[in-house]
Structures are given as C-alpha cells and as structure tokens.
Amino acid sequence: MLKYLLVLSIMFTPMMADAAKKKKKEEPVVHLTDSQIYEELKKLALVFEVARENFVEEADEKKMLEAAMNGMLGALDPHSSYLSADDFKEFSEKSHGEFGGLGIQITSDRGAVRVISPIDDTPADKAGIKAGDYITHIDGEQVFDLTLNQAVKKMKGRPGTKVKLTVISDDGEPKEMTLKRAIIKVESVKSSEKMLADADPEDKETPRVGYIRISDFGATTARDLKKALEKLEKKDVLGYVLDVRNNPGGYLTAAIDVSDAFLDAGEIVSTRGKEKTDIERVHAKAGDLANGKPVVVLINHGSASASEIVAGALQDNGRAIIMGSQSFGKGSVQQQKPLGDGTAIHITIARYYTPSGRSIQNEGITPDVEVLQSKIEVIEKKESMYSEASFKNSLKNDKSKKKDKKKSDKDDSDADEDTPFAELSDEEKDARDYQLQRALGMVIAMGKMQSRGYVVADALDAETETVEETTEN
C-alpha cells in the first residue's frame, strides 16, 4: 500500500505547485537570439557525446536522441510529440478505423498517464476503465519514467496476449486488472430507434426517438452518420439524441461534417493559429438532414476535442440542447508533420473556438441542462389504485383505448440490480442509463411542443433540476 501512496504523492504533488507556476507561465516568452540558439544546440550535442562516452553501460544512441526530441516537444504541451516510423504508421492505421491494443485514448498529465476515454465495446471499456482514471503501472512497471508513446507501445501487442494495468479512479483506490489485447475495430456510428424505459413498445402511438451514438470521429464518420439519418428519417422519428459521451475526438473535418448535418446555416467552428491573422472560419452548408427536428446532445467528462466542437456548434447556433456533465476541455488542434524519413512530428498548430467565440481549452462545454449519471429508484406506481376511475359509478371515457395490463402491471424493477452492467440486455442498459432517459424525455417534450407550435427552446424551462451523482455500473 505504501508504494501506491508514494505513487499518488508523485502524481498530485505537482498540482500544488500549479498556482505558483501560473504566474510564471503568463509571463511573455523571452526569445533567444540566433547565436544563443546555436550555442544551446552545441551544448545539446556536447551532452549527447559526454553521456554516450561516460555512461556505465553501452548507450543506445537512437533511444537517447528520440527521448531528446520527445522531451523537446513535450515541453510545449501534452499533445505534441515525436513519432518514430513505427509510431507514425500505427497512428495512420488507427485513424482509418482499425488497430490493435486495448481500445483506450490516453494523454499525459504531469508525468502520469490519464484516460481521456475508453472506446465502445473494447477490452478497456468492458474492464470498466473510465474517463479521468490514471494508469500508474503497466505490467508492474510504473509509467512516470515513460513517454506517452512508450506507454502506448507497452499496452499494445499481439491480439490475445494479456497486459496488467494498475488503475486509480476518483475514489483513490488502486485497482489491478488484467486485459486481453484485441484488434480494435472502431464502429464510429451506431443508430437505432429508442423509447422511454416505461413505454409500451407495442403501442404504435408511443413516441420513437432517433438515437445516434458516435464513439469517435474518423474517416468514415460523416458518411455513416448520413446513412443513419436517412434510415431514421424514413421511420419518422420525433427527434434525435446525439450521444458523444466518452468520445475522445478525432478528425476536425469529421466534426465539421457532423455539425453541418444538423445545421442549415451559421458558423461551425473557427481555428486560430499563432499569428493574429491566422484565423479560419467554417460555415454550414444549406440542408439540415434532421429536417429541423429537436436534437439533444449528450456529453460527459470523457467528451473531448471533436465532440466539443459538435456540441459547441449546435449549442451556439440554437440547434440543440446540450445535456449531461461538463466536457473534457481539449480546445487545440494537432497535425502530423512528416519529416521525410517515415517519422513525423505530432504538434499543436491551433486553438479552436465555438461560433460565439468561446475557447474550450481547459474549460469544456457547459451543458444547458446538467444531468449527472445516477441510479433511478421508482417510488410511484404508473397507475394509482385511487383515482376517478376507481369510483363505482364513475363515468366512462367514451374515447378510451384498451391498455395492455401485462405491460402496465409489470414491475419497473425487473432488471436485477446485482446483474453486472455488461451482462444486461440493450433494453436493460437503456433503462439504467439515467442520462439517456432524461435526453429521450427532453426530445419527446420538445417534439410535442414543436408540433403544437411552441418554440422548442421553451422546453428548457421544464428542465431546471440538478441531480446528485451516484455510482453507475
């Protein structure tokens, strides 16, 4: 236990120094002259030579030089790094939808490895790893001496082989878990019709909502989303829930195309580089593929980067209501700069801003309606024994429809609360997903208001409560 306390101390002690460093970071950069840069580069070469000649064991020159380049780029921000030929190849393969490993997106956080998000239906997701978790050890080796790329390499391997991780969650308790590596096939977009958990699926008048889950923003995301919307529009759904919870991001172009699918006009995002004049603005093209139907976007702490672009664009344009919890807050854009020999630099080139000019960096998207993941406890029967209908001589409703008593009498708590979440059916998972149930309810409310001629934004007045968070799954 002592070693874990030491690990936590190493992880969180730098946080106490952040306030002291903040003022220093805000001071203007003092640039070196060309001659000073030349002298420092000479010193770097001298350090390399002295270290190589005097180190007690035979030095690995390539490893030393790659570490120097990684350290140089890592000093800029957590997302800039040097990509060796193997790293660059793996990065390209991952971007095209299939790669080997655990299915986990990570970042560097003060020397520690922090989880941005697990990818849906992957070993990391099934093991219960969550956004915000810290990975402290990989196969018993602590990660504080490793670069981010080195940590990624240690978690990758031949499909079917195992890797042991030590993970620390919000409760501070370290957990050891063994995961089996697999080929990660990213199905970027999933879609279906959904209804509220207590609705009668056999009733044709039960409102149906189009549910679209985007797990990451890859090369095929925009195309797959278009197909999903076309399919759901043929079923005449009432509106849409766009779920980007635990979506770590991806291609900027994919985020723009996804936003454009729901917008008929307006700015989507602007990117701003180093120079004041280095500003690019992207606007939506005419044509809302959802035909103006109500949209709710679900976000949480694991929604990052491209997910935040979509949420910010639809929020600022008044096209959707954002529900869930505060997003991750990654408001920077990275690009790969090939060096001509198979290697590359992965470097931050710009910040992105929402249409209203908000920078998401370190802040994230604030939901219009905060809904923290919680457990539902039903304390009221759907139909009461005491009502007008219970009186002996009450008047009958001449337009009443027969109800399926089997459905209405069914206990709302059929799903065993002790059953592991991963073993539940899709319907049972939906019923336990409090954020999803609230989002479906919001879409249905907005759809009904829209059909009656009300302004959809007025539905926000009906959603003012903040729910206390409890452990889910």
Protein backbone atom coordinates (compact mmCIF):
# COMPACT_ATOMS: atom_id res chain seq x y z
CA MET A 1 0.00 0.00 0.00
CA LEU A 2 2.92 2.30 0.75
CA LYS A 3 4.06 2.19 -2.86
CA TYR A 4 0.62 3.37 -4.01
CA LEU A 5 0.70 6.24 -1.53
CA LEU A 6 4.07 7.20 -2.96
CA VAL A 7 2.59 6.98 -6.47
CA LEU A 8 -0.27 9.27 -5.51
CA SER A 9 2.20 11.67 -3.95
CA ILE A 10 4.23 11.75 -7.14
CA MET A 11 1.07 12.29 -9.20
CA PHE A 12 -0.59 15.03 -7.21
CA THR A 13 2.28 16.97 -5.61
CA PRO A 14 2.85 18.91 -8.86
CA MET A 15 -0.77 20.07 -8.67
CA MET A 16 0.02 22.04 -5.50
CA ALA A 17 2.72 23.91 -7.35
CA ASP A 18 0.40 24.85 -10.23
CA ALA A 19 -0.74 28.08 -8.62
CA ALA A 20 2.85 29.20 -8.09
CA LYS A 21 3.75 28.33 -11.66
CA LYS A 22 0.69 30.01 -13.19
CA LYS A 23 2.09 33.49 -12.85
CA LYS A 24 5.36 32.40 -14.39
CA LYS A 25 3.57 30.79 -17.34
CA GLU A 26 1.72 34.00 -18.06
CA GLU A 27 4.95 35.98 -18.40
CA PRO A 28 5.94 36.72 -22.01
CA VAL A 29 8.37 34.33 -23.67
CA VAL A 30 11.95 35.62 -23.84
CA HIS A 31 13.27 34.56 -27.25
CA LEU A 32 16.89 33.60 -27.78
CA THR A 33 19.00 35.20 -30.49
CA ASP A 34 20.27 33.05 -33.35
CA SER A 35 23.72 32.91 -31.77
CA GLN A 36 22.27 31.87 -28.40
CA ILE A 37 20.22 29.11 -30.07
CA TYR A 38 23.38 27.91 -31.84
CA GLU A 39 25.26 27.78 -28.53
CA GLU A 40 22.45 25.79 -26.88
CA LEU A 41 22.41 23.32 -29.78
CA LYS A 42 26.17 22.91 -29.41
CA LYS A 43 25.60 22.20 -25.72
CA LEU A 44 22.95 19.61 -26.62
CA ALA A 45 25.43 17.83 -28.90
CA LEU A 46 28.06 18.02 -26.14
CA VAL A 47 25.66 16.50 -23.60
CA PHE A 48 24.96 13.66 -26.04
CA GLU A 49 28.66 12.96 -26.61
CA VAL A 50 29.63 13.11 -22.92
CA ALA A 51 26.70 10.91 -21.90
CA ARG A 52 27.43 8.35 -24.61
CA GLU A 53 31.10 8.14 -23.71
CA ASN A 54 30.75 8.06 -19.93
CA PHE A 55 27.55 6.10 -19.24
CA VAL A 56 28.27 2.94 -17.27
CA GLU A 57 26.65 0.70 -19.90
CA GLU A 58 26.62 0.71 -23.68
CA ALA A 59 24.43 3.65 -24.72
CA ASP A 60 21.60 3.33 -27.22
CA GLU A 61 22.11 6.45 -29.37
CA LYS A 62 18.78 6.19 -31.18
CA LYS A 63 16.90 5.87 -27.93
CA MET A 64 18.74 8.88 -26.49
CA LEU A 65 18.02 11.09 -29.50
CA GLU A 66 14.34 10.10 -29.71
CA ALA A 67 13.96 10.84 -26.00
CA ALA A 68 15.55 14.26 -26.53
CA MET A 69 13.12 15.07 -29.35
CA ASN A 70 10.17 13.82 -27.32
CA GLY A 71 11.25 15.91 -24.36
CA MET A 72 11.59 18.99 -26.57
CA LEU A 73 8.06 18.64 -27.95
CA GLY A 74 6.56 17.50 -24.64
CA ALA A 75 7.73 20.76 -23.08
CA LEU A 76 5.29 22.61 -25.38
CA ASP A 77 2.04 20.88 -24.36
CA PRO A 78 0.72 17.37 -23.52
CA HIS A 79 -0.38 16.67 -27.11
CA SER A 80 2.83 17.37 -29.04
CA SER A 81 5.26 14.50 -29.57
CA TYR A 82 7.81 12.90 -31.86
CA LEU A 83 6.54 9.94 -33.88
CA SER A 84 9.04 7.27 -34.84
CA ALA A 85 8.43 5.39 -38.08
CA ASP A 86 6.51 2.68 -36.20
CA ASP A 87 4.53 5.25 -34.20
CA PHE A 88 3.60 7.19 -37.34
CA LYS A 89 2.47 4.01 -39.08
CA GLU A 90 0.35 2.95 -36.09
CA PHE A 91 -1.15 6.43 -35.86
CA SER A 92 -2.20 6.30 -39.52
CA GLU A 93 -3.72 2.82 -39.11
CA LYS A 94 -5.65 3.91 -36.02
CA SER A 95 -7.06 6.94 -37.83
CA HIS A 96 -8.53 4.67 -40.51
CA GLY A 97 -10.65 2.68 -38.10
CA GLU A 98 -8.75 -0.49 -37.14
CA PHE A 99 -5.79 -1.05 -34.83
CA GLY A 100 -4.51 -3.43 -32.18
CA GLY A 101 -4.49 -2.87 -28.42
CA LEU A 102 -6.89 -2.21 -25.56
CA GLY A 103 -9.14 0.47 -27.08
CA ILE A 104 -8.22 3.35 -24.84
CA GLN A 105 -7.44 7.01 -25.53
CA ILE A 106 -4.88 8.48 -23.14
CA THR A 107 -2.99 11.71 -22.54
CA SER A 108 -0.06 12.87 -20.44
CA ASP A 109 -0.96 14.67 -17.23
CA ARG A 110 2.01 15.99 -15.22
CA GLY A 111 4.02 12.89 -15.97
CA ALA A 112 1.15 10.49 -15.35
CA VAL A 113 -0.97 8.67 -17.93
CA ARG A 114 -4.60 9.79 -17.76
CA VAL A 115 -7.53 8.22 -19.57
CA ILE A 116 -9.43 10.54 -21.90
CA SER A 117 -11.90 7.81 -22.77
CA PRO A 118 -12.25 4.10 -23.49
CA ILE A 119 -13.65 3.24 -26.91
CA ASP A 120 -17.01 1.45 -27.02
CA ASP A 121 -17.04 -2.37 -26.86
CA THR A 122 -13.26 -2.72 -26.42
CA PRO A 123 -11.25 -4.54 -23.71
CA ALA A 124 -10.73 -1.26 -21.83
CA ASP A 125 -14.45 -0.43 -21.95
CA LYS A 126 -15.51 -3.92 -20.82
CA ALA A 127 -12.98 -3.85 -17.96
CA GLY A 128 -14.68 -0.74 -16.56
CA ILE A 129 -11.92 1.79 -17.22
CA LYS A 130 -13.46 5.27 -17.20
CA ALA A 131 -12.61 8.79 -18.34
CA GLY A 132 -10.41 10.51 -15.77
CA ASP A 133 -8.78 7.33 -14.45
CA TYR A 134 -5.00 7.32 -14.00
CA ILE A 135 -2.86 4.40 -15.17
CA THR A 136 0.10 4.15 -12.79
CA HIS A 137 1.67 0.81 -13.77
CA ILE A 138 1.80 -1.33 -16.91
CA ASP A 139 2.85 -4.93 -16.29
CA GLY A 140 4.22 -3.85 -12.91
CA GLU A 141 6.36 -1.03 -14.31
CA GLN A 142 5.41 2.48 -13.24
CA VAL A 143 4.65 4.86 -16.08
CA PHE A 144 6.27 8.02 -14.70
CA ASP A 145 9.55 7.25 -16.47
CA LEU A 146 7.83 6.65 -19.81
CA THR A 147 6.82 9.00 -22.60
CA LEU A 148 3.22 8.81 -23.77
CA ASN A 149 4.25 6.93 -26.91
CA GLN A 150 6.23 4.44 -24.82
CA ALA A 151 3.21 3.86 -22.58
CA VAL A 152 1.03 3.28 -25.64
CA LYS A 153 3.55 0.79 -27.04
CA LYS A 154 3.62 -1.20 -23.79
CA MET A 155 -0.17 -1.54 -23.85
CA LYS A 156 -0.20 -2.70 -27.46
CA GLY A 157 0.77 -6.19 -28.53
CA ARG A 158 -0.29 -9.32 -30.31
CA PRO A 159 -4.08 -9.91 -30.13
CA GLY A 160 -4.95 -12.47 -27.46
CA THR A 161 -1.99 -11.65 -25.24
CA LYS A 162 -2.57 -10.11 -21.81
CA VAL A 163 -1.41 -6.93 -20.11
CA LYS A 164 -1.78 -5.98 -16.44
CA LEU A 165 -2.70 -2.40 -15.53
CA THR A 166 -2.85 -0.62 -12.21
CA VAL A 167 -5.60 1.98 -12.36
CA ILE A 168 -6.54 4.71 -9.88
CA SER A 169 -10.05 6.16 -10.10
CA ASP A 170 -11.69 9.13 -8.39
CA ASP A 171 -12.04 7.20 -5.13
CA GLY A 172 -8.24 6.99 -4.90
CA GLU A 173 -8.16 3.22 -4.52
CA PRO A 174 -5.69 1.44 -6.86
CA LYS A 175 -7.10 -1.49 -8.79
CA GLU A 176 -5.12 -4.12 -10.67
CA MET A 177 -6.80 -5.51 -13.76
CA THR A 178 -5.68 -7.87 -16.49
CA LEU A 179 -6.89 -7.12 -20.01
CA LYS A 180 -6.63 -9.22 -23.14
CA ARG A 181 -5.43 -7.34 -26.22
CA ALA A 182 -7.62 -7.40 -29.31
CA ILE A 183 -7.90 -6.00 -32.81
CA ILE A 184 -9.84 -2.79 -32.25
CA LYS A 185 -12.39 -2.24 -34.99
CA VAL A 186 -13.95 1.16 -34.46
CA GLU A 187 -17.60 1.30 -35.50
CA SER A 188 -17.84 5.06 -35.42
CA VAL A 189 -21.62 5.43 -35.74
CA LYS A 190 -24.42 3.29 -34.32
CA SER A 191 -28.09 4.17 -34.62
CA SER A 192 -31.47 2.86 -33.54
CA GLU A 193 -34.96 3.85 -32.52
CA LYS A 194 -35.45 4.25 -28.77
CA MET A 195 -38.31 4.99 -26.41
CA LEU A 196 -38.63 5.69 -22.71
CA ALA A 197 -37.99 2.70 -20.45
CA ASP A 198 -41.58 2.55 -19.19
CA ALA A 199 -43.16 2.96 -22.64
CA ASP A 200 -45.20 0.26 -24.32
CA PRO A 201 -43.29 -0.92 -27.41
CA GLU A 202 -46.45 -2.49 -28.87
CA ASP A 203 -48.34 0.81 -28.81
CA LYS A 204 -47.94 2.41 -32.24
CA GLU A 205 -48.53 5.85 -30.74
CA THR A 206 -45.58 5.54 -28.32
CA PRO A 207 -43.08 8.28 -29.30
CA ARG A 208 -39.95 6.97 -31.00
CA VAL A 209 -36.69 8.91 -30.83
CA GLY A 210 -33.76 8.51 -33.19
CA TYR A 211 -30.66 7.57 -31.20
CA ILE A 212 -27.25 8.13 -32.78
CA ARG A 213 -24.11 7.10 -30.94
CA ILE A 214 -20.78 8.45 -32.25
CA SER A 215 -17.84 6.78 -30.49
CA ASP A 216 -15.08 8.68 -32.31
CA PHE A 217 -14.59 10.97 -35.29
CA GLY A 218 -12.84 9.02 -38.02
CA ALA A 219 -12.56 8.97 -41.79
CA THR A 220 -15.99 7.34 -42.32
CA THR A 221 -17.99 9.08 -39.56
CA ALA A 222 -19.71 11.69 -41.75
CA ARG A 223 -20.71 9.11 -44.36
CA ASP A 224 -22.04 6.70 -41.71
CA LEU A 225 -23.98 9.49 -39.97
CA LYS A 226 -25.68 10.47 -43.24
CA LYS A 227 -26.81 6.87 -43.76
CA ALA A 228 -28.10 6.67 -40.18
CA LEU A 229 -30.10 9.89 -40.53
CA GLU A 230 -31.60 8.79 -43.85
CA LYS A 231 -32.67 5.48 -42.30
CA LEU A 232 -34.19 7.08 -39.19
CA GLU A 233 -35.96 9.82 -41.17
CA LYS A 234 -37.80 7.12 -43.14
CA LYS A 235 -39.14 5.84 -39.81
CA ASP A 236 -40.42 9.34 -39.00
CA VAL A 237 -38.84 9.61 -35.55
CA LEU A 238 -39.89 12.50 -33.32
CA GLY A 239 -36.37 13.87 -32.88
CA TYR A 240 -32.80 12.84 -32.10
CA VAL A 241 -30.43 12.09 -29.24
CA LEU A 242 -26.84 12.52 -30.41
CA ASP A 243 -24.66 10.68 -27.89
CA VAL A 244 -20.99 11.72 -27.80
CA ARG A 245 -20.31 10.71 -24.19
CA ASN A 246 -16.81 9.29 -23.73
CA ASN A 247 -15.96 10.25 -27.30
CA PRO A 248 -12.30 11.35 -27.24
CA GLY A 249 -12.45 13.16 -30.59
CA GLY A 250 -10.66 12.55 -33.87
CA TYR A 251 -10.59 14.36 -37.19
CA LEU A 252 -11.54 18.04 -37.19
CA THR A 253 -13.07 17.61 -40.66
CA ALA A 254 -15.34 14.84 -39.34
CA ALA A 255 -16.55 17.10 -36.51
CA ILE A 256 -17.34 19.82 -39.05
CA ASP A 257 -19.29 17.42 -41.27
CA VAL A 258 -21.27 16.03 -38.32
CA SER A 259 -22.20 19.54 -37.18
CA ASP A 260 -23.14 20.50 -40.74
CA ALA A 261 -25.52 17.54 -40.95
CA PHE A 262 -27.78 19.16 -38.33
CA LEU A 263 -27.31 22.80 -39.38
CA ASP A 264 -28.85 24.72 -42.26
CA ALA A 265 -26.63 27.79 -41.84
CA GLY A 266 -24.27 29.51 -39.41
CA GLU A 267 -20.67 29.19 -38.30
CA ILE A 268 -19.50 25.79 -37.09
CA VAL A 269 -16.03 26.49 -35.72
CA SER A 270 -13.08 28.81 -36.10
CA THR A 271 -9.43 27.83 -35.72
CA ARG A 272 -6.82 30.38 -34.72
CA GLY A 273 -3.10 29.84 -35.05
CA LYS A 274 -0.06 31.63 -33.72
CA GLU A 275 -0.50 34.82 -35.72
CA LYS A 276 -3.46 37.14 -35.12
CA THR A 277 -4.33 36.98 -38.81
CA ASP A 278 -4.18 33.18 -38.86
CA ILE A 279 -7.92 32.60 -38.49
CA GLU A 280 -10.08 30.17 -40.44
CA ARG A 281 -13.85 30.06 -40.12
CA VAL A 282 -16.02 27.20 -41.29
CA HIS A 283 -19.73 27.70 -42.05
CA ALA A 284 -22.53 25.21 -42.54
CA LYS A 285 -23.94 24.50 -45.96
CA ALA A 286 -27.67 24.59 -46.63
CA GLY A 287 -29.51 21.37 -45.82
CA ASP A 288 -30.45 20.05 -42.37
CA LEU A 289 -30.52 16.25 -42.67
CA ALA A 290 -32.64 16.04 -39.50
CA ASN A 291 -35.25 18.34 -41.09
CA GLY A 292 -35.40 20.71 -38.14
CA LYS A 293 -36.49 18.05 -35.65
CA PRO A 294 -35.47 18.50 -31.98
CA VAL A 295 -31.93 17.42 -31.09
CA VAL A 296 -30.39 16.72 -27.69
CA VAL A 297 -26.62 16.20 -27.50
CA LEU A 298 -25.38 14.07 -24.60
CA ILE A 299 -21.89 14.90 -23.27
CA ASN A 300 -19.84 13.99 -20.22
CA HIS A 301 -16.33 14.34 -18.79
CA GLY A 302 -14.99 11.99 -21.48
CA SER A 303 -16.30 14.07 -24.40
CA ALA A 304 -13.25 15.79 -25.85
CA SER A 305 -11.92 17.70 -28.83
CA ALA A 306 -14.08 16.97 -31.90
CA SER A 307 -17.02 16.07 -29.63
CA GLU A 308 -16.78 19.52 -28.07
CA ILE A 309 -16.71 21.17 -31.49
CA VAL A 310 -20.02 19.50 -32.38
CA ALA A 311 -21.63 20.28 -29.03
CA GLY A 312 -20.43 23.90 -29.14
CA ALA A 313 -21.58 24.42 -32.75
CA LEU A 314 -25.09 23.07 -32.15
CA GLN A 315 -25.37 24.89 -28.82
CA ASP A 316 -24.27 28.31 -30.09
CA ASN A 317 -26.50 28.06 -33.16
CA GLY A 318 -29.52 27.21 -31.00
CA ARG A 319 -29.93 23.94 -32.88
CA ALA A 320 -29.70 21.54 -29.94
CA ILE A 321 -29.96 21.34 -26.18
CA ILE A 322 -26.80 20.03 -24.55
CA MET A 323 -27.36 17.64 -21.64
CA GLY A 324 -25.05 15.74 -19.30
CA SER A 325 -21.95 16.93 -17.48
CA GLN A 326 -19.05 19.30 -18.20
CA SER A 327 -16.91 18.09 -21.09
CA PHE A 328 -13.15 17.40 -21.08
CA GLY A 329 -11.86 20.77 -22.31
CA LYS A 330 -9.42 20.00 -25.13
CA GLY A 331 -9.59 23.00 -27.41
CA SER A 332 -6.47 22.53 -29.52
CA VAL A 333 -5.82 21.14 -32.98
CA GLN A 334 -2.93 18.80 -33.79
CA GLN A 335 -1.37 17.99 -37.13
CA GLN A 336 1.24 15.48 -38.29
CA LYS A 337 4.29 16.99 -39.97
CA PRO A 338 6.22 14.22 -41.80
CA LEU A 339 10.00 14.59 -41.67
CA GLY A 340 10.65 12.73 -44.93
CA ASP A 341 12.14 9.53 -43.50
CA GLY A 342 8.96 7.85 -42.27
CA THR A 343 8.99 9.73 -38.98
CA ALA A 344 6.85 12.74 -38.10
CA ILE A 345 6.05 15.39 -35.54
CA HIS A 346 2.60 15.43 -33.95
CA ILE A 347 2.24 19.07 -32.96
CA THR A 348 -0.40 21.52 -31.80
CA ILE A 349 -0.93 24.11 -34.55
CA ALA A 350 -4.06 26.00 -33.47
CA ARG A 351 -6.85 26.50 -30.95
CA TYR A 352 -10.46 26.13 -31.91
CA TYR A 353 -13.37 28.36 -30.89
CA THR A 354 -17.13 27.89 -30.91
CA PRO A 355 -19.30 30.16 -33.12
CA SER A 356 -19.80 32.63 -30.24
CA GLY A 357 -16.02 32.94 -29.81
CA ARG A 358 -15.64 30.69 -26.78
CA SER A 359 -12.36 28.86 -26.31
CA ILE A 360 -12.95 25.38 -24.93
CA GLN A 361 -9.33 24.88 -23.86
CA ASN A 362 -9.22 23.82 -20.17
CA GLU A 363 -12.89 24.82 -19.77
CA GLY A 364 -15.00 22.44 -21.84
CA ILE A 365 -18.64 22.75 -22.87
CA THR A 366 -21.12 23.55 -20.11
CA PRO A 367 -24.40 21.66 -20.68
CA ASP A 368 -27.64 23.62 -20.91
CA VAL A 369 -29.15 21.05 -18.55
CA GLU A 370 -26.79 19.37 -16.12
CA VAL A 371 -27.70 15.71 -15.66
CA LEU A 372 -25.16 13.66 -13.75
CA GLN A 373 -25.24 9.90 -14.19
CA SER A 374 -27.42 8.48 -11.42
CA LYS A 375 -29.46 5.47 -10.44
CA ILE A 376 -33.23 5.58 -10.78
CA GLU A 377 -35.47 4.44 -7.96
CA VAL A 378 -39.16 4.29 -8.86
CA ILE A 379 -41.25 5.31 -5.83
CA GLU A 380 -44.62 5.79 -7.53
CA LYS A 381 -46.83 3.36 -9.42
CA LYS A 382 -47.59 4.24 -13.02
CA GLU A 383 -51.32 3.88 -12.25
CA SER A 384 -52.80 4.60 -8.83
CA MET A 385 -55.47 2.49 -7.11
CA TYR A 386 -57.08 5.76 -6.02
CA SER A 387 -58.34 7.89 -8.90
CA GLU A 388 -61.62 8.96 -10.52
CA ALA A 389 -61.69 5.63 -12.36
CA SER A 390 -61.71 3.76 -9.06
CA PHE A 391 -65.17 5.05 -8.05
CA LYS A 392 -68.01 2.57 -8.57
CA ASN A 393 -70.29 4.79 -10.64
CA SER A 394 -67.71 6.96 -12.38
CA LEU A 395 -68.44 8.00 -15.96
CA LYS A 396 -66.56 6.06 -18.62
CA ASN A 397 -64.27 7.72 -21.16
CA ASP A 398 -66.01 7.14 -24.48
CA LYS A 399 -62.72 7.56 -26.37
CA SER A 400 -60.63 5.41 -24.04
CA LYS A 401 -58.33 2.84 -25.60
CA LYS A 402 -57.74 -0.59 -24.10
CA LYS A 403 -54.46 -0.82 -22.27
CA ASP A 404 -52.15 -3.76 -22.11
CA LYS A 405 -52.39 -4.63 -18.42
CA LYS A 406 -49.50 -7.04 -18.72
CA LYS A 407 -47.26 -4.09 -19.55
CA SER A 408 -48.68 -1.63 -17.01
CA ASP A 409 -48.71 -4.16 -14.18
CA LYS A 410 -45.16 -5.22 -14.81
CA ASP A 411 -42.77 -4.33 -12.02
CA ASP A 412 -40.47 -1.49 -13.11
CA SER A 413 -37.54 -3.11 -11.34
CA ASP A 414 -37.48 -6.36 -13.33
CA ALA A 415 -33.79 -5.97 -14.12
CA ASP A 416 -31.76 -7.41 -11.27
CA GLU A 417 -29.77 -4.54 -9.75
CA ASP A 418 -26.98 -7.00 -8.90
CA THR A 419 -26.51 -8.08 -12.52
CA PRO A 420 -23.24 -6.66 -13.96
CA PHE A 421 -23.95 -3.89 -16.46
CA ALA A 422 -22.06 -5.65 -19.25
CA GLU A 423 -24.36 -8.69 -18.94
CA LEU A 424 -27.60 -6.73 -19.29
CA SER A 425 -29.65 -6.66 -22.48
CA ASP A 426 -29.65 -3.46 -24.55
CA GLU A 427 -33.12 -2.58 -23.20
CA GLU A 428 -31.99 -3.06 -19.60
CA LYS A 429 -28.89 -0.95 -20.21
CA ASP A 430 -31.04 1.82 -21.65
CA ALA A 431 -33.37 1.67 -18.65
CA ARG A 432 -30.42 2.09 -16.25
CA ASP A 433 -28.85 4.90 -18.27
CA TYR A 434 -30.30 7.88 -16.43
CA GLN A 435 -28.74 10.49 -18.72
CA LEU A 436 -30.16 8.75 -21.79
CA GLN A 437 -33.64 8.51 -20.25
CA ARG A 438 -33.59 12.23 -19.46
CA ALA A 439 -32.43 13.02 -23.01
CA LEU A 440 -35.19 10.88 -24.56
CA GLY A 441 -37.74 12.62 -22.35
CA MET A 442 -36.44 16.02 -23.42
CA VAL A 443 -36.65 15.16 -27.14
CA ILE A 444 -40.21 13.88 -26.71
CA ALA A 445 -41.20 17.06 -24.82
CA MET A 446 -39.63 19.29 -27.47
CA GLY A 447 -41.21 17.28 -30.28
CA LYS A 448 -44.67 17.66 -28.76
CA MET A 449 -44.16 21.37 -28.16
CA GLN A 450 -42.93 21.81 -31.73
CA SER A 451 -46.00 20.02 -33.10
CA ARG A 452 -48.19 22.41 -31.11
CA GLY A 453 -46.45 25.48 -32.46
CA TYR A 454 -44.35 26.36 -29.40
CA VAL A 455 -40.73 27.49 -29.56
CA VAL A 456 -38.60 24.44 -28.84
CA ALA A 457 -36.18 26.39 -26.64
CA ASP A 458 -39.03 26.89 -24.13
CA ALA A 459 -38.60 23.25 -23.15
CA LEU A 460 -35.59 24.33 -21.13
CA ASP A 461 -37.94 25.91 -18.61
CA ALA A 462 -39.17 22.43 -17.73
CA GLU A 463 -35.67 21.14 -17.03
CA THR A 464 -34.13 23.00 -14.11
CA GLU A 465 -33.22 20.32 -11.62
CA THR A 466 -29.66 19.16 -10.94
CA VAL A 467 -29.35 15.55 -9.89
CA GLU A 468 -26.85 14.28 -7.34
CA GLU A 469 -24.33 11.93 -8.91
CA THR A 470 -24.15 8.30 -7.81
CA THR A 471 -22.01 5.44 -8.94
CA GLU A 472 -23.19 3.77 -12.14
CA ASN A 473 -22.33 0.29 -13.41
